[in-house]
Amino acid sequence: MARQRWTAWLYELLRFGVKQGWACLFGGIAVALMIATYRFYPANAALARYDFLFLCMVAVQAALLASRLETLEEAKVILIYHLVGTAMELFKTKVGSWIYPEPNFFRIGGVPLFSGFMYSCIGSYLCRAWRLFDFRFTHHPRRVYLIALSLAIYANFFIDHYGFDLRLVLFAAAALLFFRTTIHFKVWHADRSMPLLLGLVLVSLFIWLSENIGTYTRTWLYPSQQQHGWSMVSPGKLGSWFLLLIISYTLVSLINAPRVMAARGRARAVLSKPKVEMV
């Protein structure tokens, strides 16, 4: 590579994209399977589409563990989030918030078992990104506060159906906890940083875009919007995904204790310039 600043920045941008893609491995496979089965899965197949998705996602999870692309501790956290998500799915489908329109065998009530893997994708991404980008933090909130906020968020997903929606209070609490928090990460040689709140909002945006793919492929539907034809998921769902992401972030932080960015490290992050390796 030429020893020029713009080529170094271009390479770092490319490296950032590749790392993000690698962190999204589980989620990317899930989205690809939803699209592929929507387009090509036989309607009269002996194995229902949802059951095929379930078996595929079980196989992917087993492969990640066997290849050590995920650690056992990470898998435990992902499983907890999977169970938390499935429990919420049982309630939300019962009250009609969304539906899974196709029949299948591997299900509990109105919830196909593959749906829990949609939450696992988020947990897997956070675990992998944490390692790949070597996350460190300044002014990170105490985890006991994150646990309290996560419990309140989870409870609100249930009680909001009974006229007690505390979402605005939860947004304010999240902003209060995270407004000083900076996440530091390493793409190549130099330390980079951004407000953690901004990072959580950006991840929520990508989850929302993935949800639009999920509804477009009729993997699940919102009856109030999409029963008679597809339309984009309401942007208001971004807030829901942001709150759910905080639950996932809290769970991942319990096995990856947030490391503090040292003062000298912050100075390097400001003063250093990208270096170019000789190939």
C-alpha atoms as a PDB file:
ATOM      1  CA  MET A   1       0.000   0.000   0.000  1.00  0.00           C
ATOM      2  CA  ALA A   2       1.116   3.516  -0.728  1.00  0.00           C
ATOM      3  CA  ARG A   3       2.349   5.506   2.275  1.00  0.00           C
ATOM      4  CA  GLN A   4      -0.395   8.095   2.018  1.00  0.00           C
ATOM      5  CA  ARG A   5      -2.910   9.115   4.648  1.00  0.00           C
ATOM      6  CA  TRP A   6      -5.975   8.620   2.445  1.00  0.00           C
ATOM      7  CA  THR A   7      -5.000   5.037   1.566  1.00  0.00           C
ATOM      8  CA  ALA A   8      -4.511   4.270   5.260  1.00  0.00           C
ATOM      9  CA  TRP A   9      -7.964   5.659   6.073  1.00  0.00           C
ATOM     10  CA  LEU A  10      -9.503   3.755   3.166  1.00  0.00           C
ATOM     11  CA  TYR A  11      -7.878   0.540   4.320  1.00  0.00           C
ATOM     12  CA  GLU A  12      -9.070   1.135   7.894  1.00  0.00           C
ATOM     13  CA  LEU A  13     -12.610   1.746   6.640  1.00  0.00           C
ATOM     14  CA  LEU A  14     -12.477  -1.510   4.678  1.00  0.00           C
ATOM     15  CA  ARG A  15     -11.061  -3.326   7.693  1.00  0.00           C
ATOM     16  CA  PHE A  16     -13.870  -1.891   9.844  1.00  0.00           C
ATOM     17  CA  GLY A  17     -16.474  -3.213   7.407  1.00  0.00           C
ATOM     18  CA  VAL A  18     -14.909  -6.671   7.306  1.00  0.00           C
ATOM     19  CA  LYS A  19     -14.752  -6.855  11.100  1.00  0.00           C
ATOM     20  CA  GLN A  20     -18.367  -5.743  11.399  1.00  0.00           C
ATOM     21  CA  GLY A  21     -19.403  -8.361   8.870  1.00  0.00           C
ATOM     22  CA  TRP A  22     -17.500 -11.042  10.776  1.00  0.00           C
ATOM     23  CA  ALA A  23     -19.150  -9.933  14.033  1.00  0.00           C
ATOM     24  CA  CYS A  24     -22.547 -10.221  12.297  1.00  0.00           C
ATOM     25  CA  LEU A  25     -21.849 -13.804  11.170  1.00  0.00           C
ATOM     26  CA  PHE A  26     -24.733 -15.393  13.075  1.00  0.00           C
ATOM     27  CA  GLY A  27     -27.169 -12.618  12.210  1.00  0.00           C
ATOM     28  CA  GLY A  28     -26.062 -12.533   8.589  1.00  0.00           C
ATOM     29  CA  ILE A  29     -26.665 -16.268   8.223  1.00  0.00           C
ATOM     30  CA  ALA A  30     -30.117 -15.881   9.819  1.00  0.00           C
ATOM     31  CA  VAL A  31     -31.100 -13.073   7.415  1.00  0.00           C
ATOM     32  CA  ALA A  32     -29.749 -15.037   4.430  1.00  0.00           C
ATOM     33  CA  LEU A  33     -31.791 -18.082   5.473  1.00  0.00           C
ATOM     34  CA  MET A  34     -34.963 -16.003   5.798  1.00  0.00           C
ATOM     35  CA  ILE A  35     -34.496 -14.594   2.300  1.00  0.00           C
ATOM     36  CA  ALA A  36     -33.495 -17.919   0.732  1.00  0.00           C
ATOM     37  CA  THR A  37     -36.380 -19.883   2.258  1.00  0.00           C
ATOM     38  CA  TYR A  38     -38.877 -17.187   1.294  1.00  0.00           C
ATOM     39  CA  ARG A  39     -37.741 -17.292  -2.326  1.00  0.00           C
ATOM     40  CA  PHE A  40     -36.889 -20.955  -2.855  1.00  0.00           C
ATOM     41  CA  TYR A  41     -38.268 -23.197  -0.091  1.00  0.00           C
ATOM     42  CA  PRO A  42     -40.918 -25.570  -1.526  1.00  0.00           C
ATOM     43  CA  ALA A  43     -44.405 -24.776  -0.279  1.00  0.00           C
ATOM     44  CA  ASN A  44     -45.327 -28.470  -0.168  1.00  0.00           C
ATOM     45  CA  ALA A  45     -42.131 -29.684   1.546  1.00  0.00           C
ATOM     46  CA  ALA A  46     -42.579 -32.347   4.241  1.00  0.00           C
ATOM     47  CA  LEU A  47     -40.549 -30.193   6.652  1.00  0.00           C
ATOM     48  CA  ALA A  48     -42.176 -26.829   7.355  1.00  0.00           C
ATOM     49  CA  ARG A  49     -40.172 -23.726   6.533  1.00  0.00           C
ATOM     50  CA  TYR A  50     -40.051 -22.601  10.179  1.00  0.00           C
ATOM     51  CA  ASP A  51     -38.801 -26.031  11.261  1.00  0.00           C
ATOM     52  CA  PHE A  52     -36.115 -25.923   8.578  1.00  0.00           C
ATOM     53  CA  LEU A  53     -35.028 -22.499   9.886  1.00  0.00           C
ATOM     54  CA  PHE A  54     -34.963 -23.852  13.452  1.00  0.00           C
ATOM     55  CA  LEU A  55     -32.773 -26.841  12.551  1.00  0.00           C
ATOM     56  CA  CYS A  56     -30.450 -24.644  10.480  1.00  0.00           C
ATOM     57  CA  MET A  57     -29.970 -22.179  13.339  1.00  0.00           C
ATOM     58  CA  VAL A  58     -29.289 -24.997  15.815  1.00  0.00           C
ATOM     59  CA  ALA A  59     -26.652 -26.325  13.402  1.00  0.00           C
ATOM     60  CA  VAL A  60     -25.093 -22.863  12.998  1.00  0.00           C
ATOM     61  CA  GLN A  61     -24.907 -22.372  16.767  1.00  0.00           C
ATOM     62  CA  ALA A  62     -23.291 -25.803  17.192  1.00  0.00           C
ATOM     63  CA  ALA A  63     -20.791 -25.032  14.422  1.00  0.00           C
ATOM     64  CA  LEU A  64     -19.794 -21.723  16.041  1.00  0.00           C
ATOM     65  CA  LEU A  65     -19.123 -23.504  19.313  1.00  0.00           C
ATOM     66  CA  ALA A  66     -17.290 -26.426  17.710  1.00  0.00           C
ATOM     67  CA  SER A  67     -15.058 -24.068  15.698  1.00  0.00           C
ATOM     68  CA  ARG A  68     -14.489 -21.891  18.804  1.00  0.00           C
ATOM     69  CA  LEU A  69     -15.824 -18.832  17.043  1.00  0.00           C
ATOM     70  CA  GLU A  70     -17.940 -18.474  20.175  1.00  0.00           C
ATOM     71  CA  THR A  71     -16.861 -19.383  23.677  1.00  0.00           C
ATOM     72  CA  LEU A  72     -18.963 -21.473  26.023  1.00  0.00           C
ATOM     73  CA  GLU A  73     -19.437 -18.472  28.336  1.00  0.00           C
ATOM     74  CA  GLU A  74     -20.690 -16.371  25.426  1.00  0.00           C
ATOM     75  CA  ALA A  75     -23.038 -19.178  24.378  1.00  0.00           C
ATOM     76  CA  LYS A  76     -24.518 -19.251  27.890  1.00  0.00           C
ATOM     77  CA  VAL A  77     -25.285 -15.536  27.758  1.00  0.00           C
ATOM     78  CA  ILE A  78     -26.739 -15.889  24.254  1.00  0.00           C
ATOM     79  CA  LEU A  79     -28.920 -18.770  25.493  1.00  0.00           C
ATOM     80  CA  ILE A  80     -30.224 -16.639  28.376  1.00  0.00           C
ATOM     81  CA  TYR A  81     -31.143 -13.851  25.941  1.00  0.00           C
ATOM     82  CA  HIS A  82     -32.727 -16.492  23.685  1.00  0.00           C
ATOM     83  CA  LEU A  83     -34.941 -17.649  26.579  1.00  0.00           C
ATOM     84  CA  VAL A  84     -35.739 -14.064  27.613  1.00  0.00           C
ATOM     85  CA  GLY A  85     -36.770 -13.275  24.034  1.00  0.00           C
ATOM     86  CA  THR A  86     -38.865 -16.439  23.670  1.00  0.00           C
ATOM     87  CA  ALA A  87     -40.772 -15.684  26.883  1.00  0.00           C
ATOM     88  CA  MET A  88     -41.589 -12.227  25.577  1.00  0.00           C
ATOM     89  CA  GLU A  89     -42.585 -13.697  22.203  1.00  0.00           C
ATOM     90  CA  LEU A  90     -45.105 -15.981  23.930  1.00  0.00           C
ATOM     91  CA  PHE A  91     -46.795 -13.013  25.549  1.00  0.00           C
ATOM     92  CA  LYS A  92     -46.632 -10.686  22.535  1.00  0.00           C
ATOM     93  CA  THR A  93     -48.070 -13.232  20.104  1.00  0.00           C
ATOM     94  CA  LYS A  94     -50.833 -14.089  22.578  1.00  0.00           C
ATOM     95  CA  VAL A  95     -51.950 -10.449  22.748  1.00  0.00           C
ATOM     96  CA  GLY A  96     -51.602 -10.085  18.955  1.00  0.00           C
ATOM     97  CA  SER A  97     -48.658  -7.681  18.720  1.00  0.00           C
ATOM     98  CA  TRP A  98     -47.238  -9.785  15.897  1.00  0.00           C
ATOM     99  CA  ILE A  99     -47.911 -13.203  14.370  1.00  0.00           C
ATOM    100  CA  TYR A 100     -46.083 -16.078  12.703  1.00  0.00           C
ATOM    101  CA  PRO A 101     -48.400 -16.913   9.800  1.00  0.00           C
ATOM    102  CA  GLU A 102     -47.069 -20.350   8.807  1.00  0.00           C
ATOM    103  CA  PRO A 103     -47.733 -23.694  10.539  1.00  0.00           C
ATOM    104  CA  ASN A 104     -44.893 -25.799  11.918  1.00  0.00           C
ATOM    105  CA  PHE A 105     -44.050 -28.503  14.452  1.00  0.00           C
ATOM    106  CA  PHE A 106     -41.279 -27.025  16.631  1.00  0.00           C
ATOM    107  CA  ARG A 107     -43.262 -24.350  18.447  1.00  0.00           C
ATOM    108  CA  ILE A 108     -44.664 -23.346  21.802  1.00  0.00           C
ATOM    109  CA  GLY A 109     -48.136 -21.883  21.452  1.00  0.00           C
ATOM    110  CA  GLY A 110     -47.993 -19.339  18.647  1.00  0.00           C
ATOM    111  CA  VAL A 111     -44.200 -19.055  18.719  1.00  0.00           C
ATOM    112  CA  PRO A 112     -41.952 -21.133  16.424  1.00  0.00           C
ATOM    113  CA  LEU A 113     -38.783 -22.090  18.299  1.00  0.00           C
ATOM    114  CA  PHE A 114     -36.537 -20.570  15.648  1.00  0.00           C
ATOM    115  CA  SER A 115     -37.739 -17.103  16.682  1.00  0.00           C
ATOM    116  CA  GLY A 116     -35.570 -17.132  19.809  1.00  0.00           C
ATOM    117  CA  PHE A 117     -32.529 -17.251  17.552  1.00  0.00           C
ATOM    118  CA  MET A 118     -33.406 -13.773  16.290  1.00  0.00           C
ATOM    119  CA  TYR A 119     -32.517 -12.536  19.774  1.00  0.00           C
ATOM    120  CA  SER A 120     -29.472 -14.821  19.864  1.00  0.00           C
ATOM    121  CA  CYS A 121     -28.176 -13.025  16.767  1.00  0.00           C
ATOM    122  CA  ILE A 122     -28.039  -9.763  18.715  1.00  0.00           C
ATOM    123  CA  GLY A 123     -26.223 -11.347  21.645  1.00  0.00           C
ATOM    124  CA  SER A 124     -23.794 -13.088  19.299  1.00  0.00           C
ATOM    125  CA  TYR A 125     -23.014  -9.816  17.502  1.00  0.00           C
ATOM    126  CA  LEU A 126     -22.255  -7.974  20.745  1.00  0.00           C
ATOM    127  CA  CYS A 127     -20.031 -10.771  22.061  1.00  0.00           C
ATOM    128  CA  ARG A 128     -18.058 -11.036  18.833  1.00  0.00           C
ATOM    129  CA  ALA A 129     -17.745  -7.281  18.297  1.00  0.00           C
ATOM    130  CA  TRP A 130     -16.536  -6.855  21.891  1.00  0.00           C
ATOM    131  CA  ARG A 131     -13.619  -9.210  21.167  1.00  0.00           C
ATOM    132  CA  LEU A 132     -12.874  -8.147  17.604  1.00  0.00           C
ATOM    133  CA  PHE A 133     -12.732  -4.422  18.380  1.00  0.00           C
ATOM    134  CA  ASP A 134     -11.153  -4.755  21.842  1.00  0.00           C
ATOM    135  CA  PHE A 135     -13.759  -2.591  23.566  1.00  0.00           C
ATOM    136  CA  ARG A 136     -12.673  -0.275  26.396  1.00  0.00           C
ATOM    137  CA  PHE A 137     -14.668   2.451  28.072  1.00  0.00           C
ATOM    138  CA  THR A 138     -14.548   5.715  29.938  1.00  0.00           C
ATOM    139  CA  HIS A 139     -17.259   6.659  32.443  1.00  0.00           C
ATOM    140  CA  HIS A 140     -19.012   3.306  32.080  1.00  0.00           C
ATOM    141  CA  PRO A 141     -22.045   2.990  34.396  1.00  0.00           C
ATOM    142  CA  ARG A 142     -21.958   0.420  37.170  1.00  0.00           C
ATOM    143  CA  ARG A 143     -23.404  -2.875  36.038  1.00  0.00           C
ATOM    144  CA  VAL A 144     -25.818  -3.010  38.958  1.00  0.00           C
ATOM    145  CA  TYR A 145     -27.533   0.052  37.465  1.00  0.00           C
ATOM    146  CA  LEU A 146     -27.643  -1.620  34.047  1.00  0.00           C
ATOM    147  CA  ILE A 147     -29.243  -4.699  35.584  1.00  0.00           C
ATOM    148  CA  ALA A 148     -31.887  -2.566  37.304  1.00  0.00           C
ATOM    149  CA  LEU A 149     -32.611  -0.698  34.047  1.00  0.00           C
ATOM    150  CA  SER A 150     -32.790  -3.956  32.062  1.00  0.00           C
ATOM    151  CA  LEU A 151     -35.273  -5.482  34.503  1.00  0.00           C
ATOM    152  CA  ALA A 152     -37.434  -2.365  34.257  1.00  0.00           C
ATOM    153  CA  ILE A 153     -37.257  -2.458  30.438  1.00  0.00           C
ATOM    154  CA  TYR A 154     -38.236  -6.119  30.326  1.00  0.00           C
ATOM    155  CA  ALA A 155     -41.150  -5.563  32.711  1.00  0.00           C
ATOM    156  CA  ASN A 156     -42.374  -2.647  30.599  1.00  0.00           C
ATOM    157  CA  PHE A 157     -42.724  -4.859  27.520  1.00  0.00           C
ATOM    158  CA  PHE A 158     -45.448  -6.682  29.451  1.00  0.00           C
ATOM    159  CA  ILE A 159     -47.148  -3.963  31.481  1.00  0.00           C
ATOM    160  CA  ASP A 160     -47.479  -1.548  28.552  1.00  0.00           C
ATOM    161  CA  HIS A 161     -50.441  -3.663  27.412  1.00  0.00           C
ATOM    162  CA  TYR A 162     -52.240  -2.701  30.595  1.00  0.00           C
ATOM    163  CA  GLY A 163     -51.941   1.069  30.268  1.00  0.00           C
ATOM    164  CA  PHE A 164     -48.633   1.603  32.090  1.00  0.00           C
ATOM    165  CA  ASP A 165     -46.139   2.384  29.331  1.00  0.00           C
ATOM    166  CA  LEU A 166     -43.009   3.812  30.970  1.00  0.00           C
ATOM    167  CA  ARG A 167     -40.988   3.973  27.774  1.00  0.00           C
ATOM    168  CA  LEU A 168     -40.182   7.679  28.009  1.00  0.00           C
ATOM    169  CA  VAL A 169     -38.961   7.214  31.566  1.00  0.00           C
ATOM    170  CA  LEU A 170     -36.763   4.307  30.416  1.00  0.00           C
ATOM    171  CA  PHE A 171     -35.299   6.383  27.567  1.00  0.00           C
ATOM    172  CA  ALA A 172     -34.482   9.127  30.056  1.00  0.00           C
ATOM    173  CA  ALA A 173     -32.887   6.616  32.442  1.00  0.00           C
ATOM    174  CA  ALA A 174     -30.767   5.158  29.609  1.00  0.00           C
ATOM    175  CA  ALA A 175     -29.635   8.625  28.560  1.00  0.00           C
ATOM    176  CA  LEU A 176     -28.757   9.464  32.164  1.00  0.00           C
ATOM    177  CA  LEU A 177     -26.706   6.281  32.579  1.00  0.00           C
ATOM    178  CA  PHE A 178     -24.851   6.460  29.265  1.00  0.00           C
ATOM    179  CA  PHE A 179     -24.571  10.139  28.339  1.00  0.00           C
ATOM    180  CA  ARG A 180     -20.962  10.380  29.621  1.00  0.00           C
ATOM    181  CA  THR A 181     -19.909   6.923  28.437  1.00  0.00           C
ATOM    182  CA  THR A 182     -17.430   6.686  25.572  1.00  0.00           C
ATOM    183  CA  ILE A 183     -16.586   3.400  23.879  1.00  0.00           C
ATOM    184  CA  HIS A 184     -13.023   3.015  22.607  1.00  0.00           C
ATOM    185  CA  PHE A 185     -12.238   0.434  19.964  1.00  0.00           C
ATOM    186  CA  LYS A 186      -9.388  -0.568  17.718  1.00  0.00           C
ATOM    187  CA  VAL A 187      -9.923  -1.195  14.018  1.00  0.00           C
ATOM    188  CA  TRP A 188      -6.251  -1.316  13.068  1.00  0.00           C
ATOM    189  CA  HIS A 189      -3.399   0.408  14.928  1.00  0.00           C
ATOM    190  CA  ALA A 190      -5.060   3.540  16.267  1.00  0.00           C
ATOM    191  CA  ASP A 191      -7.655   3.724  19.018  1.00  0.00           C
ATOM    192  CA  ARG A 192     -10.973   5.168  17.877  1.00  0.00           C
ATOM    193  CA  SER A 193     -13.900   6.270  20.010  1.00  0.00           C
ATOM    194  CA  MET A 194     -17.535   7.301  19.907  1.00  0.00           C
ATOM    195  CA  PRO A 195     -20.334   7.938  22.434  1.00  0.00           C
ATOM    196  CA  LEU A 196     -21.764   4.600  23.524  1.00  0.00           C
ATOM    197  CA  LEU A 197     -25.301   5.952  23.168  1.00  0.00           C
ATOM    198  CA  LEU A 198     -24.645   6.688  19.499  1.00  0.00           C
ATOM    199  CA  GLY A 199     -23.266   3.187  19.016  1.00  0.00           C
ATOM    200  CA  LEU A 200     -26.380   1.632  20.570  1.00  0.00           C
ATOM    201  CA  VAL A 201     -28.653   3.749  18.355  1.00  0.00           C
ATOM    202  CA  LEU A 202     -26.741   2.715  15.209  1.00  0.00           C
ATOM    203  CA  VAL A 203     -26.940  -0.976  16.105  1.00  0.00           C
ATOM    204  CA  SER A 204     -30.679  -0.545  16.794  1.00  0.00           C
ATOM    205  CA  LEU A 205     -31.064   0.948  13.312  1.00  0.00           C
ATOM    206  CA  PHE A 206     -29.479  -2.097  11.685  1.00  0.00           C
ATOM    207  CA  ILE A 207     -31.684  -4.426  13.754  1.00  0.00           C
ATOM    208  CA  TRP A 208     -34.725  -2.465  12.556  1.00  0.00           C
ATOM    209  CA  LEU A 209     -33.571  -2.828   8.940  1.00  0.00           C
ATOM    210  CA  SER A 210     -33.171  -6.575   9.494  1.00  0.00           C
ATOM    211  CA  GLU A 211     -36.681  -6.684  10.952  1.00  0.00           C
ATOM    212  CA  ASN A 212     -37.984  -5.168   7.733  1.00  0.00           C
ATOM    213  CA  ILE A 213     -36.360  -8.060   5.878  1.00  0.00           C
ATOM    214  CA  GLY A 214     -38.009 -10.462   8.318  1.00  0.00           C
ATOM    215  CA  THR A 215     -41.476  -9.049   7.663  1.00  0.00           C
ATOM    216  CA  TYR A 216     -40.893  -8.694   3.904  1.00  0.00           C
ATOM    217  CA  THR A 217     -40.086 -12.423   3.769  1.00  0.00           C
ATOM    218  CA  ARG A 218     -43.246 -13.085   5.842  1.00  0.00           C
ATOM    219  CA  THR A 219     -41.190 -14.745   8.549  1.00  0.00           C
ATOM    220  CA  TRP A 220     -43.371 -12.764  10.959  1.00  0.00           C
ATOM    221  CA  LEU A 221     -45.935 -10.023  10.462  1.00  0.00           C
ATOM    222  CA  TYR A 222     -47.500  -7.103  12.304  1.00  0.00           C
ATOM    223  CA  PRO A 223     -51.266  -7.578  11.821  1.00  0.00           C
ATOM    224  CA  SER A 224     -51.995  -3.890  12.274  1.00  0.00           C
ATOM    225  CA  GLN A 225     -49.702  -2.965   9.364  1.00  0.00           C
ATOM    226  CA  GLN A 226     -48.975  -5.970   7.172  1.00  0.00           C
ATOM    227  CA  GLN A 227     -51.903  -8.395   7.222  1.00  0.00           C
ATOM    228  CA  HIS A 228     -53.046  -7.422   3.709  1.00  0.00           C
ATOM    229  CA  GLY A 229     -49.696  -6.495   2.178  1.00  0.00           C
ATOM    230  CA  TRP A 230     -46.186  -5.619   3.189  1.00  0.00           C
ATOM    231  CA  SER A 231     -45.235  -2.170   4.422  1.00  0.00           C
ATOM    232  CA  MET A 232     -42.154  -0.971   6.241  1.00  0.00           C
ATOM    233  CA  VAL A 233     -42.046  -1.562   9.972  1.00  0.00           C
ATOM    234  CA  SER A 234     -42.912   1.608  11.859  1.00  0.00           C
ATOM    235  CA  PRO A 235     -39.830   3.686  12.763  1.00  0.00           C
ATOM    236  CA  GLY A 236     -41.279   3.750  16.258  1.00  0.00           C
ATOM    237  CA  LYS A 237     -40.012   0.166  16.614  1.00  0.00           C
ATOM    238  CA  LEU A 238     -36.504   1.623  16.704  1.00  0.00           C
ATOM    239  CA  GLY A 239     -37.165   2.621  20.291  1.00  0.00           C
ATOM    240  CA  SER A 240     -38.228  -0.908  21.192  1.00  0.00           C
ATOM    241  CA  TRP A 241     -35.085  -2.369  19.669  1.00  0.00           C
ATOM    242  CA  PHE A 242     -32.959   0.217  21.458  1.00  0.00           C
ATOM    243  CA  LEU A 243     -34.424  -0.857  24.789  1.00  0.00           C
ATOM    244  CA  LEU A 244     -34.047  -4.560  23.973  1.00  0.00           C
ATOM    245  CA  LEU A 245     -30.460  -3.916  22.940  1.00  0.00           C
ATOM    246  CA  ILE A 246     -29.733  -2.528  26.405  1.00  0.00           C
ATOM    247  CA  ILE A 247     -30.890  -5.854  27.895  1.00  0.00           C
ATOM    248  CA  SER A 248     -28.545  -7.729  25.559  1.00  0.00           C
ATOM    249  CA  TYR A 249     -25.699  -5.312  26.277  1.00  0.00           C
ATOM    250  CA  THR A 250     -26.174  -5.798  30.019  1.00  0.00           C
ATOM    251  CA  LEU A 251     -26.047  -9.587  29.705  1.00  0.00           C
ATOM    252  CA  VAL A 252     -22.874  -9.462  27.597  1.00  0.00           C
ATOM    253  CA  SER A 253     -21.242  -7.033  30.046  1.00  0.00           C
ATOM    254  CA  LEU A 254     -21.698  -9.611  32.806  1.00  0.00           C
ATOM    255  CA  ILE A 255     -19.152 -11.928  31.170  1.00  0.00           C
ATOM    256  CA  ASN A 256     -17.021  -9.199  29.566  1.00  0.00           C
ATOM    257  CA  ALA A 257     -16.267  -6.845  32.425  1.00  0.00           C
ATOM    258  CA  PRO A 258     -15.987  -3.378  30.802  1.00  0.00           C
ATOM    259  CA  ARG A 259     -12.305  -2.392  30.793  1.00  0.00           C
ATOM    260  CA  VAL A 260     -11.341   1.182  31.530  1.00  0.00           C
ATOM    261  CA  MET A 261      -9.488   3.122  28.845  1.00  0.00           C
ATOM    262  CA  ALA A 262      -6.300   4.466  30.454  1.00  0.00           C
ATOM    263  CA  ALA A 263      -5.431   8.160  30.184  1.00  0.00           C
ATOM    264  CA  ARG A 264      -2.402   7.494  27.972  1.00  0.00           C
ATOM    265  CA  GLY A 265      -4.582   5.364  25.714  1.00  0.00           C
ATOM    266  CA  ARG A 266      -6.967   8.300  25.265  1.00  0.00           C
ATOM    267  CA  ALA A 267      -4.083  10.554  24.354  1.00  0.00           C
ATOM    268  CA  ARG A 268      -2.906   8.079  21.749  1.00  0.00           C
ATOM    269  CA  ALA A 269      -6.419   7.851  20.338  1.00  0.00           C
ATOM    270  CA  VAL A 270      -6.366  11.605  19.724  1.00  0.00           C
ATOM    271  CA  LEU A 271      -2.782  12.098  18.610  1.00  0.00           C
ATOM    272  CA  SER A 272      -1.866   8.993  16.661  1.00  0.00           C
ATOM    273  CA  LYS A 273      -2.257   8.629  12.921  1.00  0.00           C
ATOM    274  CA  PRO A 274      -2.997   5.395  11.066  1.00  0.00           C
ATOM    275  CA  LYS A 275       0.133   3.500  10.111  1.00  0.00           C
ATOM    276  CA  VAL A 276       0.488   1.470   6.987  1.00  0.00           C
ATOM    277  CA  GLU A 277       1.908  -2.023   7.077  1.00  0.00           C
ATOM    278  CA  MET A 278       4.351  -3.079   4.410  1.00  0.00           C
ATOM    279  CA  VAL A 279       2.939  -6.137   2.648  1.00  0.00           C
END
